[in-house]
C-alpha cells in the first residue's frame, strides 16, 4: 500500500514539513525555473521547499522558457526589474553592492533561478534566448555548501535552498530587501538531511546505504571534472623592479 503524500511539500504526510514552515515576505520576486527531471523525480528537492519558505515566489517547469507565457510576462512587464542568477565575468555581485536600490527606479526586482543539475541548467539557458538576454547577478557565498547527501561538482556550487539563503543575505546587505527569518532555510535543510541520513543508515528501509555518506571534507573532486563556475581571476603580478 502506497504512503499518503502531502502535495505541497511532496513528502509523506507522516513526515510533512508544511506545519514547520513560515512563508517569509520579501519585496523581491523569486522565480524558480525547474528542470522537468527535478520537477518529476526530485519532488522532495530543495527548490520546492525553498518555494514554500518564500511567500513571494513561484515555480515554472520546463526547458524552453521562451514558450512559457507566465515567464515571458514577468520578463516584459515594465513594472519589473528581471535578472538571472548565474555566475560569470559579466554578472553583478550582489554581495559587494554592485546593484544599488536606486537602479531599480521603483520597479520590483525579479530573480530567476535555474533549478536543476548544472548541466541541466546550462541546457535550459541554451534553449531560452530570452533568459540569455537578461542582466546577470551573482553573490559571494559566506560558507561552502552544506549538502551532506550529495556531492557538488566544484567548490562554490550550492543547492537551490542554499542559493536562496545567500541571495537574501546579499540583498539585505545591499539594501534591496530584508531577510525576516534568516535561520529558517538552513534549519529546514539540516533537518531534511538528518532524516535522509537516518533512513540511509537503517538496513530495514529501502534507502539503506552500506557505506555512510562522506563529509564534504572527505570528498575528493577529480581534477578533470568540468567547471561550471569560472575560476577567480589571479591578481595581477606586481611590477618588477628595474
Protein backbone atom coordinates (compact mmCIF):
# COMPACT_ATOMS: atom_id res chain seq x y z
CA UNK A 1 0.00 0.00 0.00
CA UNK A 2 1.48 3.36 -1.02
CA UNK A 3 2.06 6.08 1.54
CA UNK A 4 -0.15 9.15 1.59
CA UNK A 5 1.71 12.18 0.24
CA UNK A 6 1.45 15.86 1.08
CA UNK A 7 1.04 17.59 -2.27
CA UNK A 8 2.54 20.87 -1.04
CA UNK A 9 5.97 19.65 0.08
CA UNK A 10 5.74 16.24 -1.66
CA UNK A 11 6.89 14.37 1.43
CA UNK A 12 4.87 11.54 3.03
CA UNK A 13 2.08 13.02 5.16
CA UNK A 14 3.64 11.45 8.26
CA UNK A 15 6.82 13.46 7.56
CA UNK A 16 5.20 16.61 6.14
CA UNK A 17 7.27 19.79 6.62
CA UNK A 18 4.48 22.29 5.99
CA UNK A 19 3.48 22.89 9.62
CA UNK A 20 7.05 23.93 10.47
CA UNK A 21 7.40 26.36 7.54
CA UNK A 22 6.57 30.07 7.80
CA UNK A 23 6.36 31.73 4.35
CA UNK A 24 8.65 34.76 4.52
CA UNK A 25 7.54 38.03 2.89
CA UNK A 26 10.08 39.63 0.54
CA UNK A 27 9.97 42.58 -1.82
CA UNK A 28 11.90 40.54 -4.36
CA UNK A 29 10.03 38.03 -6.52
CA UNK A 30 11.83 34.67 -6.62
CA UNK A 31 11.06 32.64 -9.76
CA UNK A 32 12.30 29.05 -9.77
CA UNK A 33 12.67 27.65 -13.28
CA UNK A 34 12.69 23.92 -12.65
CA UNK A 35 14.11 21.31 -14.99
CA UNK A 36 11.50 18.59 -15.81
CA UNK A 37 13.63 15.88 -14.19
CA UNK A 38 13.86 17.92 -11.00
CA UNK A 39 10.13 18.60 -11.06
CA UNK A 40 9.05 15.00 -11.72
CA UNK A 41 11.67 12.89 -9.98
CA UNK A 42 13.10 15.10 -7.21
CA UNK A 43 9.79 16.07 -5.62
CA UNK A 44 11.45 16.39 -2.20
CA UNK A 45 14.29 18.52 -3.62
CA UNK A 46 15.37 21.79 -2.10
CA UNK A 47 13.78 24.01 -4.78
CA UNK A 48 10.25 23.07 -3.80
CA UNK A 49 10.95 23.51 -0.08
CA UNK A 50 12.58 26.88 -0.74
CA UNK A 51 9.49 27.99 -2.67
CA UNK A 52 7.32 27.10 0.33
CA UNK A 53 9.54 29.23 2.58
CA UNK A 54 9.25 32.30 0.34
CA UNK A 55 5.80 33.84 0.13
CA UNK A 56 6.73 35.95 -2.90
CA UNK A 57 7.88 33.12 -5.16
CA UNK A 58 6.67 30.82 -7.91
CA UNK A 59 7.78 27.67 -9.76
CA UNK A 60 7.69 27.03 -13.51
CA UNK A 61 8.71 23.71 -15.05
CA UNK A 62 10.24 23.42 -18.50
CA UNK A 63 13.27 23.61 -20.76
CA UNK A 64 12.41 26.35 -23.27
CA UNK A 65 11.02 29.24 -21.23
CA UNK A 66 10.59 31.42 -24.30
CA UNK A 67 7.41 29.39 -24.79
CA UNK A 68 6.21 29.94 -21.21
CA UNK A 69 3.68 32.78 -21.22
CA UNK A 70 3.86 33.44 -17.47
CA UNK A 71 7.67 33.67 -17.53
CA UNK A 72 7.61 35.98 -20.53
CA UNK A 73 5.08 38.22 -18.83
CA UNK A 74 7.40 38.58 -15.84
CA UNK A 75 10.30 39.46 -18.14
CA UNK A 76 8.44 42.03 -20.25
CA UNK A 77 6.38 43.70 -17.51
CA UNK A 78 7.72 47.29 -17.25
CA UNK A 79 6.98 47.25 -13.52
CA UNK A 80 9.63 44.52 -13.06
CA UNK A 81 13.43 44.57 -12.99
CA UNK A 82 14.21 40.98 -14.12
CA UNK A 83 17.67 39.45 -13.64
CA UNK A 84 19.10 35.95 -13.95
CA UNK A 85 21.06 34.44 -11.07
CA UNK A 86 24.04 32.97 -12.92
CA UNK A 87 27.73 33.42 -12.10
CA UNK A 88 30.23 34.67 -14.62
CA UNK A 89 32.54 37.55 -15.51
CA UNK A 90 29.64 39.81 -16.56
CA UNK A 91 27.46 39.06 -13.52
CA UNK A 92 26.97 41.83 -10.97
CA UNK A 93 27.91 40.73 -7.47
CA UNK A 94 25.06 41.50 -5.06
CA UNK A 95 27.35 40.87 -2.08
CA UNK A 96 29.54 43.82 -3.00
CA UNK A 97 26.61 46.12 -3.70
CA UNK A 98 27.04 46.06 -7.49
CA UNK A 99 23.29 46.56 -7.87
CA UNK A 100 22.04 49.61 -5.96
CA UNK A 101 18.39 50.13 -4.90
CA UNK A 102 18.27 53.39 -6.87
CA UNK A 103 18.87 51.47 -10.11
CA UNK A 104 15.54 49.70 -9.75
CA UNK A 105 13.74 53.01 -10.21
CA UNK A 106 10.76 51.82 -8.16
CA UNK A 107 10.46 48.57 -10.12
CA UNK A 108 10.16 45.15 -8.48
CA UNK A 109 13.31 43.05 -8.53
CA UNK A 110 12.58 39.64 -10.07
CA UNK A 111 15.23 36.94 -9.61
CA UNK A 112 15.15 33.99 -12.00
CA UNK A 113 16.87 30.87 -10.63
CA UNK A 114 17.58 27.78 -12.74
CA UNK A 115 16.71 24.73 -10.60
CA UNK A 116 18.33 21.52 -11.78
CA UNK A 117 21.74 19.96 -12.20
CA UNK A 118 24.41 22.30 -13.58
CA UNK A 119 24.34 20.53 -16.95
CA UNK A 120 20.54 20.73 -16.92
CA UNK A 121 20.65 24.45 -16.10
CA UNK A 122 23.01 25.10 -18.99
CA UNK A 123 20.60 23.33 -21.34
CA UNK A 124 17.65 25.37 -20.06
CA UNK A 125 19.63 28.56 -20.64
CA UNK A 126 20.73 27.48 -24.12
CA UNK A 127 17.13 26.81 -25.15
CA UNK A 128 15.80 30.11 -23.73
CA UNK A 129 17.27 33.13 -25.56
CA UNK A 130 15.09 35.50 -23.52
CA UNK A 131 16.89 34.33 -20.36
CA UNK A 132 20.27 34.74 -22.06
CA UNK A 133 19.48 38.41 -22.67
CA UNK A 134 18.72 39.19 -19.02
CA UNK A 135 21.26 41.01 -16.85
CA UNK A 136 23.05 38.52 -14.60
CA UNK A 137 23.69 38.68 -10.88
CA UNK A 138 25.72 36.54 -8.52
CA UNK A 139 26.90 36.57 -4.90
CA UNK A 140 29.93 35.60 -2.87
CA UNK A 141 28.98 32.61 -0.64
CA UNK A 142 29.51 33.09 3.07
CA UNK A 143 30.18 29.36 3.50
CA UNK A 144 30.80 26.26 1.38
CA UNK A 145 27.87 24.01 0.55
CA UNK A 146 26.28 22.26 3.50
CA UNK A 147 24.99 19.44 1.28
CA UNK A 148 25.96 16.20 3.05
CA UNK A 149 23.95 13.73 0.96
CA UNK A 150 25.07 14.99 -2.44
CA UNK A 151 28.47 15.96 -3.79
CA UNK A 152 28.68 19.31 -5.53
CA UNK A 153 30.56 19.35 -8.86
CA UNK A 154 33.03 22.01 -7.66
CA UNK A 155 33.75 24.42 -4.85
CA UNK A 156 31.30 27.31 -4.83
CA UNK A 157 28.32 25.27 -6.09
CA UNK A 158 25.30 25.33 -3.80
CA UNK A 159 21.87 23.77 -3.59
CA UNK A 160 18.87 25.88 -4.60
CA UNK A 161 17.95 26.33 -0.94
CA UNK A 162 21.44 27.49 -0.02
CA UNK A 163 21.45 29.82 -3.02
CA UNK A 164 18.23 31.48 -1.85
CA UNK A 165 19.71 31.89 1.63
CA UNK A 166 22.85 33.53 0.26
CA UNK A 167 20.82 35.75 -2.07
CA UNK A 168 18.71 37.01 0.83
CA UNK A 169 21.84 37.80 2.85
CA UNK A 170 23.30 39.72 -0.12
CA UNK A 171 20.03 41.53 -0.87
CA UNK A 172 19.77 42.60 2.76
CA UNK A 173 23.35 43.86 2.96
CA UNK A 174 22.86 45.91 -0.23
CA UNK A 175 19.57 47.41 0.95
CA UNK A 176 17.49 45.70 -1.73
CA UNK A 177 15.41 43.56 0.62
CA UNK A 178 15.11 42.17 4.15
CA UNK A 179 15.52 38.64 5.49
CA UNK A 180 12.79 38.11 8.12
CA UNK A 181 13.72 34.58 9.25
CA UNK A 182 17.41 34.02 8.43
CA UNK A 183 17.61 30.69 10.30
CA UNK A 184 14.60 29.00 8.70
CA UNK A 185 16.04 27.83 5.37
CA UNK A 186 19.24 26.32 6.76
CA UNK A 187 17.39 24.74 9.70
CA UNK A 188 14.97 23.07 7.29
CA UNK A 189 17.90 21.94 5.14
CA UNK A 190 19.66 20.39 8.16
CA UNK A 191 16.51 18.60 9.35
CA UNK A 192 15.76 17.25 5.88
CA UNK A 193 19.26 15.84 5.51
CA UNK A 194 19.31 14.44 9.04
CA UNK A 195 16.16 12.46 8.28
CA UNK A 196 17.52 11.17 4.96
CA UNK A 197 20.82 10.15 6.56
CA UNK A 198 18.95 8.36 9.36
CA UNK A 199 16.97 6.39 6.76
CA UNK A 200 20.16 5.59 4.84
CA UNK A 201 21.67 4.07 7.99
CA UNK A 202 18.69 1.75 8.67
CA UNK A 203 19.07 -1.69 6.96
CA UNK A 204 15.30 -2.23 7.26
CA UNK A 205 14.49 0.68 4.92
CA UNK A 206 14.59 0.82 1.13
CA UNK A 207 17.02 3.73 1.12
CA UNK A 208 19.68 1.89 3.14
CA UNK A 209 23.31 2.57 2.16
CA UNK A 210 26.05 0.13 3.04
CA UNK A 211 28.54 2.97 3.06
CA UNK A 212 27.85 6.04 5.12
CA UNK A 213 27.75 9.45 3.46
CA UNK A 214 31.15 11.08 3.36
CA UNK A 215 31.54 14.56 4.75
CA UNK A 216 32.42 17.36 2.29
CA UNK A 217 35.94 17.38 3.78
CA UNK A 218 36.37 13.67 2.91
CA UNK A 219 35.36 14.08 -0.72
CA UNK A 220 37.94 14.48 -3.47
CA UNK A 221 36.99 16.25 -6.69
CA UNK A 222 38.53 14.96 -9.88
CA UNK A 223 40.92 17.49 -11.45
CA UNK A 224 39.30 16.66 -14.81
CA UNK A 225 35.79 17.48 -13.61
CA UNK A 226 34.09 20.14 -15.71
CA UNK A 227 34.00 23.60 -14.15
CA UNK A 228 30.59 25.27 -14.01
CA UNK A 229 31.63 28.36 -12.05
CA UNK A 230 34.54 30.30 -13.57
CA UNK A 231 37.70 30.20 -11.50
CA UNK A 232 38.50 33.54 -9.86
CA UNK A 233 40.99 35.62 -11.78
CA UNK A 234 44.50 35.67 -10.41
CA UNK A 235 45.59 39.07 -9.04
CA UNK A 236 47.96 40.95 -11.34
CA UNK A 237 51.63 40.44 -10.68
CA UNK A 238 53.45 43.37 -9.03
CA UNK A 239 55.64 45.38 -11.36
CA UNK A 240 59.22 44.21 -11.46
CA UNK A 241 61.84 46.45 -10.06
CA UNK A 242 64.38 47.76 -12.53
